[in-house]
């Protein structure tokens, strides 16, 4: 039985949790507290205020925005 490989932003989550020591849900909560900021403003906030790398910050923001957009529809 083959395990399906995680693709897209979620593929970064194990690395994000290991690198920054906080679960992804906490990062998503932090992003949501800064709404209605734009995507790149949220990425910049994670980078400048929390020292997150661009790829990791972008993955958190993209996944959170997509999840919230889907929930709203």
N, C-alpha and C. Protein backbone atom coordinates (compact mmCIF):
# COMPACT_ATOMS: atom_id res chain seq x y z
N UNK A 1 0.85 -1.20 0.00
CA UNK A 1 0.00 0.00 0.00
C UNK A 1 0.88 1.25 0.00
N UNK A 2 0.63 2.11 -0.93
CA UNK A 2 1.45 3.32 -1.08
C UNK A 2 0.81 4.49 -0.33
N UNK A 3 1.63 5.16 0.44
CA UNK A 3 1.16 6.35 1.15
C UNK A 3 1.26 7.54 0.20
N UNK A 4 0.18 8.31 0.12
CA UNK A 4 0.19 9.48 -0.76
C UNK A 4 1.06 10.57 -0.17
N UNK A 5 1.95 11.11 -0.98
CA UNK A 5 2.85 12.17 -0.54
C UNK A 5 2.07 13.48 -0.41
N UNK A 6 2.30 14.17 0.69
CA UNK A 6 1.65 15.45 0.92
C UNK A 6 2.26 16.48 -0.03
N UNK A 7 1.40 17.22 -0.71
CA UNK A 7 1.86 18.23 -1.66
C UNK A 7 1.44 19.62 -1.19
N UNK A 8 2.02 20.62 -1.82
CA UNK A 8 1.63 22.00 -1.56
C UNK A 8 2.12 22.50 -0.21
N UNK A 9 1.48 23.55 0.30
CA UNK A 9 1.94 24.19 1.54
C UNK A 9 2.06 23.23 2.72
N UNK A 10 1.15 22.27 2.83
CA UNK A 10 1.16 21.35 3.97
C UNK A 10 2.42 20.50 4.02
N UNK A 11 3.10 20.35 2.90
CA UNK A 11 4.34 19.56 2.89
C UNK A 11 5.43 20.21 3.75
N UNK A 12 5.30 21.48 4.01
CA UNK A 12 6.27 22.21 4.84
C UNK A 12 5.98 22.09 6.34
N UNK A 13 4.79 21.64 6.70
CA UNK A 13 4.37 21.70 8.09
C UNK A 13 5.27 20.96 9.07
N UNK A 14 5.71 19.72 8.80
CA UNK A 14 6.60 19.06 9.76
C UNK A 14 7.88 19.85 10.00
N UNK A 15 8.44 20.41 8.94
CA UNK A 15 9.66 21.20 9.05
C UNK A 15 9.41 22.49 9.83
N UNK A 16 8.29 23.13 9.60
CA UNK A 16 7.93 24.36 10.30
C UNK A 16 7.81 24.09 11.80
N UNK A 17 7.09 23.02 12.16
CA UNK A 17 6.91 22.69 13.57
C UNK A 17 8.24 22.37 14.23
N UNK A 18 9.10 21.63 13.53
CA UNK A 18 10.40 21.26 14.08
C UNK A 18 11.31 22.49 14.22
N UNK A 19 11.32 23.34 13.20
CA UNK A 19 12.22 24.50 13.18
C UNK A 19 11.82 25.56 14.19
N UNK A 20 10.50 25.84 14.30
CA UNK A 20 10.05 26.97 15.12
C UNK A 20 9.40 26.55 16.44
N UNK A 21 9.24 25.25 16.66
CA UNK A 21 8.79 24.73 17.95
C UNK A 21 7.36 25.04 18.33
N UNK A 22 6.53 25.36 17.35
CA UNK A 22 5.12 25.61 17.62
C UNK A 22 4.28 24.87 16.61
N UNK A 23 3.12 24.34 17.01
CA UNK A 23 2.27 23.64 16.05
C UNK A 23 1.73 24.60 14.99
N UNK A 24 1.45 24.05 13.83
CA UNK A 24 0.94 24.84 12.72
C UNK A 24 -0.34 25.58 13.11
N UNK A 25 -1.18 24.96 13.91
CA UNK A 25 -2.43 25.60 14.34
C UNK A 25 -2.17 26.93 15.04
N UNK A 26 -1.09 27.01 15.82
CA UNK A 26 -0.75 28.28 16.49
C UNK A 26 -0.34 29.34 15.48
N UNK A 27 0.43 28.93 14.47
CA UNK A 27 0.83 29.89 13.43
C UNK A 27 -0.39 30.37 12.67
N UNK A 28 -1.33 29.45 12.39
CA UNK A 28 -2.54 29.85 11.68
C UNK A 28 -3.37 30.83 12.51
N UNK A 29 -3.46 30.58 13.79
CA UNK A 29 -4.18 31.48 14.69
C UNK A 29 -3.55 32.88 14.66
N UNK A 30 -2.24 32.92 14.67
CA UNK A 30 -1.51 34.18 14.62
C UNK A 30 -1.81 34.93 13.31
N UNK A 31 -1.80 34.20 12.21
CA UNK A 31 -2.12 34.80 10.90
C UNK A 31 -3.53 35.37 10.93
N UNK A 32 -4.47 34.61 11.44
CA UNK A 32 -5.88 35.05 11.46
C UNK A 32 -6.08 36.29 12.32
N UNK A 33 -5.27 36.47 13.35
CA UNK A 33 -5.38 37.67 14.20
C UNK A 33 -4.99 38.94 13.45
N UNK A 34 -4.25 38.78 12.34
CA UNK A 34 -3.80 39.93 11.56
C UNK A 34 -4.69 40.22 10.35
N UNK A 35 -5.80 39.48 10.22
CA UNK A 35 -6.73 39.77 9.13
C UNK A 35 -7.28 41.17 9.34
N UNK A 36 -7.63 41.91 8.33
CA UNK A 36 -7.72 41.53 6.92
C UNK A 36 -6.48 41.87 6.11
N UNK A 37 -5.31 41.65 6.62
CA UNK A 37 -4.08 41.95 5.89
C UNK A 37 -3.99 41.10 4.62
N UNK A 38 -3.22 41.60 3.67
CA UNK A 38 -3.01 40.88 2.41
C UNK A 38 -1.98 39.77 2.60
N UNK A 39 -1.96 38.84 1.65
CA UNK A 39 -1.06 37.68 1.69
C UNK A 39 0.38 38.08 2.02
N UNK A 40 0.95 38.96 1.24
CA UNK A 40 2.37 39.30 1.44
C UNK A 40 2.61 40.09 2.73
N UNK A 41 1.61 40.82 3.19
CA UNK A 41 1.73 41.51 4.48
C UNK A 41 1.81 40.48 5.61
N UNK A 42 1.03 39.41 5.49
CA UNK A 42 1.05 38.35 6.49
C UNK A 42 2.39 37.61 6.47
N UNK A 43 2.90 37.35 5.26
CA UNK A 43 4.21 36.70 5.12
C UNK A 43 5.28 37.58 5.77
N UNK A 44 5.24 38.86 5.48
CA UNK A 44 6.23 39.80 6.03
C UNK A 44 6.17 39.84 7.56
N UNK A 45 4.96 39.77 8.11
CA UNK A 45 4.79 39.78 9.57
C UNK A 45 5.45 38.55 10.18
N UNK A 46 5.23 37.38 9.61
CA UNK A 46 5.83 36.15 10.15
C UNK A 46 7.36 36.21 10.04
N UNK A 47 7.84 36.79 8.96
CA UNK A 47 9.29 36.89 8.77
C UNK A 47 9.91 37.88 9.74
N UNK A 48 9.34 39.08 9.83
CA UNK A 48 9.96 40.14 10.64
C UNK A 48 9.72 39.96 12.14
N UNK A 49 8.53 39.53 12.53
CA UNK A 49 8.21 39.43 13.96
C UNK A 49 8.57 38.09 14.57
N UNK A 50 8.71 37.06 13.72
CA UNK A 50 8.93 35.71 14.26
C UNK A 50 10.14 35.00 13.65
N UNK A 51 10.87 35.69 12.78
CA UNK A 51 12.09 35.13 12.22
C UNK A 51 11.89 33.94 11.31
N UNK A 52 10.70 33.82 10.76
CA UNK A 52 10.39 32.69 9.90
C UNK A 52 10.97 32.92 8.50
N UNK A 53 11.44 31.86 7.87
CA UNK A 53 11.93 31.96 6.51
C UNK A 53 10.79 32.22 5.54
N UNK A 54 11.10 32.75 4.38
CA UNK A 54 10.07 33.13 3.41
C UNK A 54 9.21 31.94 2.99
N UNK A 55 9.84 30.83 2.64
CA UNK A 55 9.09 29.66 2.19
C UNK A 55 8.13 29.13 3.23
N UNK A 56 8.59 29.07 4.47
CA UNK A 56 7.74 28.60 5.55
C UNK A 56 6.60 29.58 5.83
N UNK A 57 6.91 30.86 5.86
CA UNK A 57 5.88 31.87 6.10
C UNK A 57 4.83 31.84 4.98
N UNK A 58 5.29 31.74 3.75
CA UNK A 58 4.38 31.70 2.61
C UNK A 58 3.49 30.46 2.67
N UNK A 59 4.04 29.33 3.07
CA UNK A 59 3.25 28.09 3.16
C UNK A 59 2.15 28.22 4.21
N UNK A 60 2.47 28.78 5.36
CA UNK A 60 1.47 28.97 6.43
C UNK A 60 0.36 29.89 5.95
N UNK A 61 0.74 31.03 5.37
CA UNK A 61 -0.25 32.01 4.92
C UNK A 61 -1.12 31.44 3.80
N UNK A 62 -0.51 30.82 2.80
CA UNK A 62 -1.26 30.27 1.67
C UNK A 62 -2.25 29.22 2.15
N UNK A 63 -1.82 28.34 3.02
CA UNK A 63 -2.69 27.28 3.52
C UNK A 63 -3.84 27.85 4.35
N UNK A 64 -3.54 28.81 5.20
CA UNK A 64 -4.55 29.42 6.06
C UNK A 64 -5.59 30.16 5.24
N UNK A 65 -5.14 30.96 4.28
CA UNK A 65 -6.08 31.71 3.44
C UNK A 65 -6.96 30.76 2.62
N UNK A 66 -6.37 29.71 2.07
CA UNK A 66 -7.12 28.74 1.27
C UNK A 66 -8.17 28.01 2.14
N UNK A 67 -7.77 27.65 3.35
CA UNK A 67 -8.66 26.96 4.28
C UNK A 67 -9.84 27.87 4.64
N UNK A 68 -9.56 29.13 4.92
CA UNK A 68 -10.62 30.07 5.30
C UNK A 68 -11.53 30.40 4.13
N UNK A 69 -10.96 30.48 2.93
CA UNK A 69 -11.77 30.76 1.72
C UNK A 69 -12.72 29.59 1.47
N UNK A 70 -12.22 28.37 1.65
CA UNK A 70 -13.05 27.19 1.44
C UNK A 70 -14.16 27.10 2.50
N UNK A 71 -13.84 27.45 3.73
CA UNK A 71 -14.80 27.42 4.82
C UNK A 71 -15.92 28.44 4.61
N UNK A 72 -15.56 29.55 3.97
CA UNK A 72 -16.53 30.63 3.76
C UNK A 72 -17.49 30.34 2.60
N UNK A 73 -17.11 29.41 1.73
CA UNK A 73 -17.97 29.15 0.55
C UNK A 73 -18.97 28.05 0.79
